[in-house]
């Protein structure tokens, strides 16, 4: 039986750091984007519910694949098992890459 891959992906969105788990992560057809498919969330069988995971679960409910700009990705790890997805506030000492990466040419064509 082939081993099932699980990827932990950390990326920045709206000044927050998202950590999601997916079965598949790859470079998309759109240049400069990373695609996450089959997002993994806990199927709650207990009474204890994690509110941060529930927020993420509701935000990505019905999403088959999400496409993230490559410059927003902090890190992609292949892990043994799924952890708890979460959203964290960005620390003041974290610098993001300048956006946009590709700037348009000036009006003089240079």
N, C-alpha and C. Protein backbone atom coordinates (compact mmCIF):
# COMPACT_ATOMS: atom_id res chain seq x y z
N UNK A 1 0.84 -1.17 0.00
CA UNK A 1 0.00 0.00 0.00
C UNK A 1 0.90 1.25 0.00
N UNK A 2 0.69 2.16 -0.96
CA UNK A 2 1.55 3.34 -1.02
C UNK A 2 1.31 4.28 0.16
N UNK A 3 2.40 4.92 0.56
CA UNK A 3 2.35 5.85 1.68
C UNK A 3 1.57 7.11 1.27
N UNK A 4 0.67 7.57 2.12
CA UNK A 4 -0.09 8.77 1.84
C UNK A 4 0.71 9.99 2.29
N UNK A 5 0.88 10.95 1.41
CA UNK A 5 1.64 12.15 1.73
C UNK A 5 0.75 13.15 2.47
N UNK A 6 1.35 13.85 3.42
CA UNK A 6 0.69 14.95 4.12
C UNK A 6 1.66 16.12 4.13
N UNK A 7 1.19 17.28 3.69
CA UNK A 7 2.03 18.47 3.62
C UNK A 7 1.51 19.52 4.60
N UNK A 8 2.44 20.11 5.35
CA UNK A 8 2.12 21.25 6.21
C UNK A 8 2.61 22.49 5.47
N UNK A 9 1.70 23.42 5.24
CA UNK A 9 2.03 24.61 4.47
C UNK A 9 1.77 25.84 5.35
N UNK A 10 2.79 26.68 5.46
CA UNK A 10 2.66 27.94 6.20
C UNK A 10 2.77 29.07 5.19
N UNK A 11 1.80 30.00 5.25
CA UNK A 11 1.82 31.14 4.35
C UNK A 11 1.20 32.36 5.02
N UNK A 12 1.48 33.52 4.46
CA UNK A 12 0.99 34.79 4.99
C UNK A 12 -0.21 35.23 4.18
N UNK A 13 -1.26 35.63 4.89
CA UNK A 13 -2.45 36.19 4.25
C UNK A 13 -3.07 37.20 5.18
N UNK A 14 -3.24 38.41 4.70
CA UNK A 14 -3.88 39.49 5.47
C UNK A 14 -3.23 39.68 6.84
N UNK A 15 -1.90 39.76 6.85
CA UNK A 15 -1.10 39.98 8.07
C UNK A 15 -1.29 38.90 9.13
N UNK A 16 -1.62 37.69 8.70
CA UNK A 16 -1.71 36.54 9.60
C UNK A 16 -0.95 35.38 8.96
N UNK A 17 -0.45 34.50 9.81
CA UNK A 17 0.25 33.31 9.32
C UNK A 17 -0.70 32.12 9.41
N UNK A 18 -1.02 31.56 8.27
CA UNK A 18 -1.90 30.39 8.19
C UNK A 18 -1.03 29.14 8.17
N UNK A 19 -1.47 28.11 8.87
CA UNK A 19 -0.83 26.80 8.80
C UNK A 19 -1.92 25.79 8.45
N UNK A 20 -1.80 25.20 7.27
CA UNK A 20 -2.78 24.24 6.78
C UNK A 20 -2.10 22.92 6.47
N UNK A 21 -2.90 21.87 6.45
CA UNK A 21 -2.42 20.53 6.09
C UNK A 21 -3.20 20.08 4.86
N UNK A 22 -2.47 19.51 3.89
CA UNK A 22 -3.09 19.08 2.64
C UNK A 22 -2.49 17.77 2.18
N UNK A 23 -3.25 17.03 1.39
CA UNK A 23 -2.75 15.78 0.82
C UNK A 23 -1.86 16.03 -0.38
N UNK A 24 -2.03 17.20 -1.02
CA UNK A 24 -1.23 17.48 -2.21
C UNK A 24 -0.87 18.96 -2.26
N UNK A 25 0.39 19.25 -2.57
CA UNK A 25 0.89 20.61 -2.74
C UNK A 25 1.84 20.60 -3.94
N UNK A 26 1.59 21.50 -4.89
CA UNK A 26 2.42 21.51 -6.09
C UNK A 26 2.38 22.89 -6.76
N UNK A 27 3.33 23.12 -7.67
CA UNK A 27 3.36 24.36 -8.43
C UNK A 27 2.20 24.33 -9.40
N UNK A 28 1.44 25.41 -9.41
CA UNK A 28 0.25 25.46 -10.26
C UNK A 28 0.55 25.80 -11.70
N UNK A 29 -0.51 25.75 -12.51
CA UNK A 29 -0.39 26.10 -13.92
C UNK A 29 -0.15 27.60 -14.08
N UNK A 30 -0.66 28.38 -13.14
CA UNK A 30 -0.42 29.82 -13.15
C UNK A 30 0.97 30.08 -12.61
N UNK A 31 1.78 30.80 -13.36
CA UNK A 31 3.16 31.05 -12.96
C UNK A 31 3.19 31.81 -11.63
N UNK A 32 4.00 31.31 -10.69
CA UNK A 32 4.18 31.99 -9.41
C UNK A 32 3.16 31.63 -8.35
N UNK A 33 2.43 30.53 -8.53
CA UNK A 33 1.42 30.13 -7.56
C UNK A 33 1.62 28.69 -7.12
N UNK A 34 1.28 28.41 -5.86
CA UNK A 34 1.33 27.07 -5.29
C UNK A 34 -0.11 26.61 -5.07
N UNK A 35 -0.40 25.37 -5.45
CA UNK A 35 -1.75 24.83 -5.31
C UNK A 35 -1.79 23.83 -4.15
N UNK A 36 -2.79 23.96 -3.30
CA UNK A 36 -3.04 22.99 -2.23
C UNK A 36 -4.37 22.31 -2.53
N UNK A 37 -4.35 20.98 -2.52
CA UNK A 37 -5.57 20.20 -2.75
C UNK A 37 -5.84 19.28 -1.58
N UNK A 38 -7.10 18.95 -1.38
CA UNK A 38 -7.54 18.03 -0.33
C UNK A 38 -7.05 18.49 1.04
N UNK A 39 -7.53 19.65 1.46
CA UNK A 39 -7.17 20.18 2.78
C UNK A 39 -7.66 19.23 3.86
N UNK A 40 -6.84 19.05 4.90
CA UNK A 40 -7.16 18.10 5.96
C UNK A 40 -7.57 18.84 7.24
N UNK A 41 -8.75 18.52 7.72
CA UNK A 41 -9.24 19.04 8.99
C UNK A 41 -9.71 17.86 9.82
N UNK A 42 -9.73 18.05 11.13
CA UNK A 42 -10.13 16.98 12.04
C UNK A 42 -11.63 16.74 11.92
N UNK A 43 -12.01 15.48 11.83
CA UNK A 43 -13.41 15.11 11.89
C UNK A 43 -13.73 14.87 13.36
N UNK A 44 -14.39 15.85 13.97
CA UNK A 44 -14.59 15.81 15.42
C UNK A 44 -15.50 14.66 15.83
N UNK A 45 -14.94 13.80 16.66
CA UNK A 45 -15.72 12.70 17.22
C UNK A 45 -15.83 12.86 18.73
N UNK A 46 -15.27 13.95 19.25
CA UNK A 46 -15.34 14.21 20.68
C UNK A 46 -16.08 15.52 20.92
N UNK A 47 -16.34 15.80 22.17
CA UNK A 47 -17.05 17.01 22.55
C UNK A 47 -16.14 18.23 22.48
N UNK A 48 -14.82 18.05 22.66
CA UNK A 48 -13.87 19.15 22.66
C UNK A 48 -13.65 19.64 21.22
N UNK A 49 -13.85 20.95 21.02
CA UNK A 49 -13.71 21.55 19.69
C UNK A 49 -12.71 22.70 19.79
N UNK A 50 -11.75 22.73 18.87
CA UNK A 50 -10.76 23.80 18.82
C UNK A 50 -11.34 24.95 18.00
N UNK A 51 -11.58 26.13 18.61
CA UNK A 51 -12.21 27.23 17.88
C UNK A 51 -11.39 27.75 16.71
N UNK A 52 -10.05 27.77 16.82
CA UNK A 52 -9.23 28.26 15.72
C UNK A 52 -9.32 27.32 14.52
N UNK A 53 -9.34 26.02 14.78
CA UNK A 53 -9.48 25.07 13.67
C UNK A 53 -10.87 25.16 13.05
N UNK A 54 -11.88 25.38 13.87
CA UNK A 54 -13.24 25.52 13.36
C UNK A 54 -13.36 26.75 12.46
N UNK A 55 -12.65 27.84 12.81
CA UNK A 55 -12.66 29.05 11.99
C UNK A 55 -12.05 28.75 10.62
N UNK A 56 -10.91 28.06 10.61
CA UNK A 56 -10.27 27.68 9.35
C UNK A 56 -11.16 26.73 8.55
N UNK A 57 -11.75 25.79 9.23
CA UNK A 57 -12.62 24.81 8.56
C UNK A 57 -13.79 25.50 7.88
N UNK A 58 -14.38 26.48 8.56
CA UNK A 58 -15.51 27.19 7.96
C UNK A 58 -15.03 28.11 6.83
N UNK A 59 -13.84 28.70 6.96
CA UNK A 59 -13.31 29.57 5.90
C UNK A 59 -13.03 28.78 4.62
N UNK A 60 -12.57 27.55 4.76
CA UNK A 60 -12.21 26.73 3.60
C UNK A 60 -13.26 25.67 3.28
N UNK A 61 -14.45 25.80 3.85
CA UNK A 61 -15.52 24.83 3.60
C UNK A 61 -15.91 24.87 2.12
N UNK A 62 -15.97 23.71 1.51
CA UNK A 62 -16.34 23.60 0.11
C UNK A 62 -15.22 23.93 -0.88
N UNK A 63 -14.01 24.19 -0.39
CA UNK A 63 -12.89 24.52 -1.26
C UNK A 63 -12.19 23.23 -1.69
N UNK A 64 -12.18 22.97 -2.99
CA UNK A 64 -11.52 21.77 -3.51
C UNK A 64 -10.01 21.98 -3.62
N UNK A 65 -9.62 23.19 -4.00
CA UNK A 65 -8.21 23.54 -4.10
C UNK A 65 -8.08 25.02 -3.83
N UNK A 66 -6.97 25.39 -3.20
CA UNK A 66 -6.69 26.80 -2.98
C UNK A 66 -5.35 27.12 -3.63
N UNK A 67 -5.28 28.30 -4.22
CA UNK A 67 -4.10 28.71 -4.97
C UNK A 67 -3.48 29.90 -4.24
N UNK A 68 -2.22 29.75 -3.83
CA UNK A 68 -1.54 30.73 -3.00
C UNK A 68 -0.38 31.34 -3.79
N UNK A 69 -0.22 32.67 -3.74
CA UNK A 69 0.94 33.27 -4.40
C UNK A 69 2.24 32.74 -3.79
N UNK A 70 3.19 32.42 -4.64
CA UNK A 70 4.44 31.81 -4.18
C UNK A 70 5.17 32.70 -3.17
N UNK A 71 5.13 34.02 -3.35
CA UNK A 71 5.85 34.90 -2.44
C UNK A 71 5.18 34.99 -1.07
N UNK A 72 3.96 34.45 -0.91
CA UNK A 72 3.30 34.44 0.40
C UNK A 72 3.66 33.18 1.20
N UNK A 73 4.21 32.16 0.53
CA UNK A 73 4.53 30.90 1.19
C UNK A 73 5.79 31.07 2.03
N UNK A 74 5.69 30.66 3.29
CA UNK A 74 6.85 30.70 4.19
C UNK A 74 7.60 29.38 4.10
N UNK A 75 6.83 28.28 4.11
CA UNK A 75 7.47 26.96 4.17
C UNK A 75 6.46 25.87 3.82
N UNK A 76 6.96 24.80 3.17
CA UNK A 76 6.16 23.60 2.90
C UNK A 76 6.96 22.41 3.40
N UNK A 77 6.36 21.62 4.29
CA UNK A 77 7.01 20.44 4.86
C UNK A 77 6.16 19.21 4.57
N UNK A 78 6.81 18.10 4.23
CA UNK A 78 6.11 16.82 4.19
C UNK A 78 6.24 16.23 5.58
N UNK A 79 5.10 15.91 6.21
CA UNK A 79 5.11 15.46 7.59
C UNK A 79 4.52 14.05 7.68
N UNK A 80 4.77 13.39 8.82
CA UNK A 80 4.29 12.03 9.05
C UNK A 80 2.78 11.97 9.22
N UNK A 81 2.23 12.95 9.98
CA UNK A 81 0.78 12.94 10.22
C UNK A 81 0.28 14.37 10.34
N UNK A 82 -1.00 14.52 10.20
CA UNK A 82 -1.64 15.83 10.25
C UNK A 82 -1.60 16.40 11.66
N UNK A 83 -1.31 17.67 11.76
CA UNK A 83 -1.36 18.38 13.03
C UNK A 83 -2.63 19.22 13.08
N UNK A 84 -2.62 20.22 13.94
CA UNK A 84 -3.78 21.09 14.07
C UNK A 84 -3.58 22.34 13.21
N UNK A 85 -4.45 22.57 12.24
CA UNK A 85 -4.36 23.80 11.45
C UNK A 85 -4.60 25.00 12.36
N UNK A 86 -3.94 26.14 12.04
CA UNK A 86 -4.12 27.30 12.90
C UNK A 86 -3.81 28.58 12.15
N UNK A 87 -4.25 29.69 12.76
CA UNK A 87 -3.94 31.03 12.28
C UNK A 87 -3.21 31.73 13.41
N UNK A 88 -2.08 32.36 13.11
CA UNK A 88 -1.31 33.08 14.12
C UNK A 88 -1.10 34.52 13.67
N UNK A 89 -1.00 35.41 14.62
CA UNK A 89 -0.69 36.80 14.33
C UNK A 89 0.78 36.90 13.92
N UNK A 90 1.07 37.79 12.99
CA UNK A 90 2.46 38.00 12.60
C UNK A 90 3.17 38.79 13.68
N UNK A 91 4.37 38.39 14.00
CA UNK A 91 5.19 39.13 14.96
C UNK A 91 5.70 40.40 14.28
N UNK A 92 5.99 41.41 15.07
CA UNK A 92 6.46 42.67 14.51
C UNK A 92 7.82 42.54 13.84
N UNK A 93 8.61 41.54 14.23
CA UNK A 93 9.95 41.41 13.67
C UNK A 93 10.00 40.52 12.43
N UNK A 94 8.86 40.11 11.89
CA UNK A 94 8.82 39.30 10.68
C UNK A 94 8.64 40.22 9.49
N UNK A 95 9.58 40.17 8.57
CA UNK A 95 9.50 41.00 7.37
C UNK A 95 9.03 40.14 6.21
N UNK A 96 8.09 40.64 5.44
CA UNK A 96 7.63 39.90 4.28
C UNK A 96 8.35 40.42 3.04
N UNK A 97 8.34 39.63 1.98
CA UNK A 97 8.95 40.05 0.74
C UNK A 97 8.18 41.24 0.19
N UNK A 98 8.87 42.11 -0.53
CA UNK A 98 8.16 43.24 -1.14
C UNK A 98 7.09 42.71 -2.09
N UNK A 99 6.01 43.42 -2.18
CA UNK A 99 4.93 42.99 -3.05
C UNK A 99 4.53 44.15 -3.93
N UNK A 100 4.31 44.01 -5.17
CA UNK A 100 4.50 42.81 -5.97
C UNK A 100 5.97 42.56 -6.30
N UNK A 101 6.28 41.30 -6.60
CA UNK A 101 7.66 40.94 -6.93
C UNK A 101 8.05 41.55 -8.28
N UNK A 102 7.16 41.46 -9.25
CA UNK A 102 7.43 41.97 -10.59
C UNK A 102 6.72 43.31 -10.73
N UNK A 103 7.51 44.37 -10.84
CA UNK A 103 6.93 45.70 -10.96
C UNK A 103 6.77 46.06 -12.43
N UNK A 104 5.71 46.80 -12.76
CA UNK A 104 5.52 47.18 -14.16
C UNK A 104 6.58 48.20 -14.60
N UNK A 105 6.83 48.23 -15.87
CA UNK A 105 7.79 49.20 -16.42
C UNK A 105 7.23 50.61 -16.28
N UNK A 106 8.14 51.56 -16.21
CA UNK A 106 7.74 52.96 -16.12
C UNK A 106 7.12 53.44 -17.43
N UNK A 107 6.56 54.62 -17.41
CA UNK A 107 5.90 55.16 -18.60
C UNK A 107 6.88 55.42 -19.75
N UNK A 108 8.19 55.55 -19.41
CA UNK A 108 9.18 55.78 -20.46
C UNK A 108 9.71 54.47 -21.06
N UNK A 109 9.18 53.28 -20.58
CA UNK A 109 9.56 51.98 -21.13
C UNK A 109 10.82 51.39 -20.54
N UNK A 110 11.40 52.03 -19.51
CA UNK A 110 12.64 51.53 -18.90
C UNK A 110 12.36 50.82 -17.62
